[in-house]
Protein backbone atom coordinates (compact mmCIF):
# COMPACT_ATOMS: atom_id res chain seq x y z
CA MET A 1 -9.51 1.82 -5.57
CA ARG A 2 -12.87 2.67 -4.19
CA SER A 3 -14.41 -0.55 -3.33
CA TYR A 4 -12.92 -3.76 -2.17
CA LEU A 5 -15.37 -6.92 -2.36
CA TYR A 6 -14.74 -9.74 -0.03
CA VAL A 7 -15.25 -13.17 -1.70
CA PRO A 8 -14.82 -16.60 0.01
CA GLY A 9 -11.65 -18.40 -1.23
CA ASP A 10 -13.45 -21.73 -1.17
CA ALA A 11 -16.42 -20.86 -3.49
CA PRO A 12 -15.23 -21.10 -7.10
CA GLN A 13 -18.73 -19.84 -8.47
CA LYS A 14 -18.60 -16.89 -6.25
CA LEU A 15 -15.03 -15.86 -7.42
CA ASP A 16 -16.02 -15.92 -11.03
CA LYS A 17 -19.43 -14.07 -10.40
CA ALA A 18 -17.28 -11.54 -8.33
CA LEU A 19 -15.36 -10.51 -11.43
CA GLY A 20 -18.22 -8.71 -12.91
CA ARG A 21 -19.97 -7.10 -9.65
CA GLY A 22 -18.43 -3.69 -10.24
CA ALA A 23 -15.87 -3.54 -7.39
CA ASP A 24 -12.54 -1.84 -8.12
CA ALA A 25 -10.89 -4.73 -6.16
CA LEU A 26 -11.62 -8.03 -4.71
CA ILE A 27 -10.22 -9.51 -1.55
CA VAL A 28 -10.29 -13.22 -1.68
CA ASP A 29 -10.61 -14.57 1.80
CA LEU A 30 -8.55 -17.52 2.90
CA GLU A 31 -8.88 -16.50 6.53
CA ASP A 32 -12.38 -16.20 8.43
CA ALA A 33 -14.61 -17.33 5.43
CA VAL A 34 -12.54 -20.69 5.17
CA PRO A 35 -12.88 -23.22 7.96
CA ALA A 36 -9.40 -24.68 9.29
CA ALA A 37 -10.24 -28.01 7.78
CA GLY A 38 -10.59 -26.35 4.31
CA LYS A 39 -7.54 -24.31 3.94
CA ASP A 40 -5.49 -26.50 1.74
CA ARG A 41 -8.44 -26.86 -0.51
CA ALA A 42 -9.04 -23.43 -0.69
CA ARG A 43 -5.46 -22.47 -1.34
CA ALA A 44 -5.36 -24.72 -4.23
CA LEU A 45 -8.65 -23.23 -5.54
CA VAL A 46 -7.62 -19.71 -5.35
CA ALA A 47 -4.06 -20.46 -6.78
CA GLY A 48 -5.62 -22.19 -9.96
CA TRP A 49 -8.19 -19.28 -10.27
CA LEU A 50 -5.51 -16.77 -10.18
CA ASP A 51 -3.26 -18.43 -12.62
CA ALA A 52 -6.33 -18.65 -15.17
CA LEU A 53 -6.87 -14.83 -15.03
CA PRO A 54 -5.26 -12.54 -17.48
CA ALA A 55 -1.96 -11.19 -16.10
CA TYR A 56 -3.39 -7.64 -16.22
CA GLY A 57 -6.90 -6.06 -15.81
CA ARG A 58 -9.53 -5.03 -13.51
CA PRO A 59 -10.71 -5.65 -10.87
CA GLN A 60 -7.53 -5.84 -8.82
CA VAL A 61 -7.28 -9.08 -6.82
CA TRP A 62 -6.03 -9.22 -3.31
CA VAL A 63 -5.95 -12.24 -0.93
CA ARG A 64 -6.69 -12.12 2.78
CA VAL A 65 -4.03 -14.38 4.40
CA ASN A 66 -4.04 -15.97 7.89
CA PRO A 67 -1.59 -14.63 10.62
CA GLY A 68 1.39 -16.86 11.30
CA LEU A 69 2.58 -20.13 9.58
CA ALA A 70 -0.75 -20.54 7.84
CA GLY A 71 -0.28 -17.07 6.33
CA GLU A 72 3.07 -18.21 4.98
CA ASP A 73 1.41 -21.18 3.26
CA ASP A 74 -1.14 -18.91 1.89
CA VAL A 75 1.49 -16.77 0.32
CA ARG A 76 3.38 -19.42 -1.19
CA ALA A 77 0.29 -20.79 -2.91
CA VAL A 78 -1.18 -17.53 -4.33
CA VAL A 79 1.77 -15.15 -5.24
CA CYS A 80 1.43 -14.84 -9.07
CA PRO A 81 1.54 -12.09 -11.92
CA ARG A 82 -2.20 -11.37 -11.31
CA LEU A 83 -2.05 -10.82 -7.62
CA ALA A 84 -1.97 -7.24 -6.40
CA GLY A 85 -1.15 -7.94 -2.80
CA VAL A 86 -2.11 -9.59 0.39
CA CYS A 87 -4.24 -8.50 3.23
CA LEU A 88 -2.69 -9.75 6.44
CA ALA A 89 -5.37 -10.63 8.98
CA LYS A 90 -4.89 -9.64 12.56
CA ALA A 91 -1.50 -8.13 11.94
CA GLY A 92 0.49 -8.30 15.28
CA GLY A 93 3.19 -5.56 14.42
CA ALA A 94 5.73 -4.35 12.29
CA ALA A 95 8.11 -7.35 12.74
CA GLU A 96 5.24 -9.63 11.68
CA VAL A 97 4.61 -7.70 8.51
CA ALA A 98 8.41 -7.61 7.66
CA ALA A 99 8.57 -11.31 8.26
CA LEU A 100 5.62 -12.01 5.87
CA GLY A 101 7.47 -9.81 3.42
CA ALA A 102 10.56 -12.07 3.34
CA VAL A 103 8.29 -14.88 2.57
CA ILE A 104 6.57 -13.05 -0.13
CA ALA A 105 10.07 -12.27 -1.76
CA THR A 106 11.03 -15.90 -1.83
CA ALA A 107 7.59 -16.47 -3.53
CA GLU A 108 8.18 -13.82 -5.97
CA GLU A 109 11.58 -15.27 -7.03
CA ASP A 110 10.18 -18.85 -7.31
CA ARG A 111 7.47 -17.27 -9.80
CA GLY A 112 9.99 -15.33 -11.61
CA LEU A 113 8.52 -11.90 -10.46
CA PRO A 114 10.48 -8.90 -9.55
CA VAL A 115 11.04 -8.68 -5.86
CA GLY A 116 8.54 -6.09 -4.53
CA THR A 117 5.77 -6.66 -6.86
CA VAL A 118 3.33 -8.00 -4.25
CA ALA A 119 2.14 -5.31 -1.72
CA VAL A 120 0.85 -5.71 1.83
CA VAL A 121 -2.31 -4.30 3.56
CA PRO A 122 -2.20 -4.98 7.29
CA LEU A 123 -5.57 -5.43 8.86
CA LEU A 124 -5.45 -3.76 12.44
CA GLU A 125 -7.84 -5.85 14.52
CA SER A 126 -6.47 -5.36 18.24
CA ALA A 127 -5.66 -2.50 20.41
CA ALA A 128 -1.92 -3.32 20.28
CA ALA A 129 -2.12 -3.11 16.58
CA ILE A 130 -3.89 0.34 16.66
CA LEU A 131 -1.16 1.66 19.09
CA ASP A 132 1.66 0.33 16.65
CA ALA A 133 -0.01 1.74 13.56
CA SER A 134 2.73 4.21 12.74
CA ALA A 135 5.38 1.29 12.99
CA ILE A 136 3.18 -1.07 10.93
CA ALA A 137 2.59 1.63 8.22
CA ARG A 138 6.35 2.04 7.81
CA ALA A 139 7.02 -1.60 7.41
CA PRO A 140 8.31 -3.02 4.03
CA ARG A 141 5.78 -3.39 1.13
CA VAL A 142 2.72 -1.82 3.28
CA ALA A 143 0.78 -0.14 0.69
CA ARG A 144 -2.14 1.05 3.11
CA LEU A 145 -3.77 0.17 6.29
CA GLN A 146 -7.36 -1.31 7.16
CA ILE A 147 -8.90 -1.59 10.42
CA GLY A 148 -10.92 -4.84 11.26
CA GLU A 149 -13.47 -3.16 13.43
CA ALA A 150 -15.63 -6.14 14.55
CA ASP A 151 -12.52 -7.82 16.32
CA LEU A 152 -11.53 -4.54 17.49
CA ARG A 153 -14.79 -3.63 19.01
CA ALA A 154 -15.03 -7.06 20.69
CA GLU A 155 -11.81 -6.47 22.50
CA LEU A 156 -12.45 -2.86 23.58
CA GLY A 157 -16.02 -3.47 24.54
CA VAL A 158 -17.23 -0.81 22.27
CA THR A 159 -20.87 -0.57 21.11
CA LEU A 160 -21.25 1.81 18.08
CA GLY A 161 -23.98 4.49 18.29
CA ALA A 162 -25.69 6.00 15.22
CA ASP A 163 -22.89 8.38 14.40
CA GLU A 164 -20.21 5.79 15.16
CA ARG A 165 -18.21 8.38 17.42
CA GLU A 166 -16.93 5.76 19.64
CA LEU A 167 -14.19 4.70 17.02
CA LEU A 168 -13.43 8.05 15.98
CA PHE A 169 -10.04 8.35 17.81
CA VAL A 170 -9.03 5.03 16.36
CA ARG A 171 -10.01 5.89 12.82
CA SER A 172 -8.26 9.16 12.97
CA GLN A 173 -5.13 7.68 14.43
CA VAL A 174 -4.84 5.25 11.49
CA VAL A 175 -5.35 8.20 8.95
CA LEU A 176 -2.54 9.95 10.70
CA ALA A 177 -0.36 6.96 10.79
CA SER A 178 -0.78 6.41 7.16
CA ALA A 179 -0.12 10.03 6.16
CA ALA A 180 3.03 10.34 8.36
CA ALA A 181 4.32 7.14 6.72
CA GLY A 182 3.68 8.46 3.28
CA ILE A 183 1.43 5.55 2.12
CA ALA A 184 -2.09 5.77 0.67
CA PRO A 185 -5.02 6.63 2.82
CA PRO A 186 -6.59 3.83 4.78
CA VAL A 187 -9.44 1.61 3.52
CA ALA A 188 -12.69 1.90 5.47
CA SER A 189 -13.97 -1.22 7.29
CA VAL A 190 -17.07 -3.12 6.25
CA SER A 191 -20.62 -2.41 7.27
CA THR A 192 -22.16 -5.90 8.13
CA ASP A 193 -25.88 -4.65 7.54
CA TYR A 194 -25.81 -4.77 3.68
CA ARG A 195 -29.56 -4.10 3.43
CA ASP A 196 -29.36 -0.67 4.91
CA VAL A 197 -27.98 1.48 2.04
CA LEU A 198 -28.87 4.61 3.55
CA ALA A 199 -26.74 3.93 6.78
CA LEU A 200 -24.08 2.53 4.53
CA ARG A 201 -23.89 5.84 2.60
CA ALA A 202 -23.84 8.10 5.63
CA SER A 203 -21.03 6.15 7.38
CA THR A 204 -19.04 6.03 4.11
CA VAL A 205 -19.27 9.79 3.77
CA ALA A 206 -18.21 10.10 7.19
CA PHE A 207 -15.04 7.94 6.49
CA ARG A 208 -14.25 10.01 3.43
CA ARG A 209 -14.37 13.13 5.42
CA LEU A 210 -12.01 11.64 7.97
CA GLY A 211 -9.44 11.03 5.31
CA PHE A 212 -10.37 7.27 4.31
CA LEU A 213 -10.03 6.46 0.65
CA GLY A 214 -12.06 3.36 -0.45
CA ARG A 215 -14.10 0.96 1.61
CA ALA A 216 -14.47 -2.94 1.95
CA CYS A 217 -17.69 -4.53 1.10
CA ILE A 218 -19.23 -7.84 2.17
CA HIS A 219 -21.97 -7.84 -0.38
CA PRO A 220 -22.28 -6.60 -3.96
CA ALA A 221 -25.25 -4.32 -3.16
CA GLN A 222 -22.79 -2.22 -1.17
CA ILE A 223 -20.60 -1.59 -4.18
CA PRO A 224 -22.54 1.15 -6.08
CA VAL A 225 -23.04 3.39 -2.84
CA VAL A 226 -19.31 2.97 -1.96
CA ASN A 227 -18.21 3.76 -5.60
CA GLU A 228 -20.54 6.79 -5.68
CA VAL A 229 -19.24 8.27 -2.37
CA PHE A 230 -15.56 8.03 -3.45
CA THR A 231 -16.11 9.39 -6.99
CA PRO A 232 -15.62 13.01 -7.17
CA THR A 233 -18.68 14.74 -8.72
CA ALA A 234 -18.27 16.77 -12.26
CA GLU A 235 -18.75 20.00 -10.06
CA GLU A 236 -15.90 19.04 -7.58
CA LEU A 237 -13.54 18.09 -10.36
CA ALA A 238 -14.47 21.53 -12.25
CA GLU A 239 -13.83 23.51 -9.21
CA ALA A 240 -10.54 21.69 -8.28
CA ALA A 241 -9.30 22.09 -11.84
CA ASP A 242 -10.08 25.76 -12.03
CA LEU A 243 -8.34 26.35 -8.56
CA VAL A 244 -5.17 24.53 -9.75
CA ARG A 245 -5.20 26.40 -13.01
CA ARG A 246 -5.59 29.81 -11.47
CA PHE A 247 -3.11 29.17 -8.72
CA ASP A 248 -0.53 27.89 -11.20
CA ALA A 249 -1.05 31.10 -13.04
CA ALA A 250 -0.57 33.14 -10.07
CA VAL A 251 2.69 31.39 -9.09
CA GLY A 252 3.80 31.77 -12.68
CA SER A 253 3.38 35.61 -12.30
CA GLY A 254 5.29 35.66 -9.28
CA ALA A 255 2.48 35.42 -6.45
CA GLY A 256 2.52 32.80 -3.86
CA ILE A 257 -1.26 32.81 -2.96
CA LEU A 258 -4.53 34.05 -4.56
CA VAL A 259 -7.89 34.78 -3.41
CA ASP A 260 -10.81 32.85 -4.57
CA VAL A 261 -14.26 34.29 -5.54
CA ASP A 262 -15.68 33.94 -1.97
CA GLY A 263 -12.55 36.08 -0.69
CA ARG A 264 -10.81 33.09 0.87
CA MET A 265 -7.05 32.80 0.57
CA VAL A 266 -5.81 29.90 -1.37
CA ASP A 267 -2.13 28.85 -0.78
CA ALA A 268 -0.12 25.69 -1.63
CA ALA A 269 -1.75 23.59 1.07
CA VAL A 270 -5.40 24.26 -0.31
CA VAL A 271 -4.14 23.44 -3.83
CA ARG A 272 -2.41 20.29 -2.91
CA ALA A 273 -5.81 18.86 -1.66
CA ALA A 274 -7.41 20.04 -4.97
CA ARG A 275 -4.64 18.10 -6.95
CA ARG A 276 -5.39 14.97 -4.83
CA LEU A 277 -9.03 15.22 -5.66
CA LEU A 278 -8.05 15.36 -9.34
CA THR A 279 -5.99 12.14 -9.26
CA LEU A 280 -9.07 10.27 -8.14
CA ALA A 281 -10.61 10.82 -11.63
CA THR A 282 -7.76 9.46 -13.45
């Protein structure tokens, strides 16, 4: 998944249009985008919309749920065959993620789904959540992590400069926690200025270099840029395939390493990165 488009859960017309916007996945929002008085209506709308979709297909559909008891009500309403998973807003810790997983399991059983079908992406939006990222990443059902940087910046008192180095430590810590837990790389946070596509591209490239895979979007105009950055070029894929092929041949002949055309040593670690790149094209 390269691009995740946020869509308000209380706007049926936007939900229908979002399906054709080119995003790899949608995040239907039952949290910040929906006022407290409209939660019940939004849940019913999203549940009906999901049930009307084919059981399989693209884009993937995720739902951002509220923390606490409201999130449990969200889960009970939206778990269905078409739901890929839920994004837990303001995840408080591993115990909270595990508790939500138990609610999801009951909802899966009620809908006749195999237990474990619905994944969870915790949104790390506080200093405490960032410091607990390793434990949260290992919680049941967690597929990957995402940072909610707007709330986090407000708590930390951080103002981003042009290169956004102020959050480099936070971002790298979440990448490390994800890799250590053996889950997918984290999703990069949104850029709120959807009009500046050059800045979006630069920051998305920086996220990819840090080890993120995919980015959340708040506007359809951001999707082509994000998809482009996280799509390997034909040249990158050709180089990776050639490297893997030659390395496998070298190993088959009894060698553990090879030297590339530029005189650099290539070992299993380098080839592992090449194989990962190739998986992005499948």
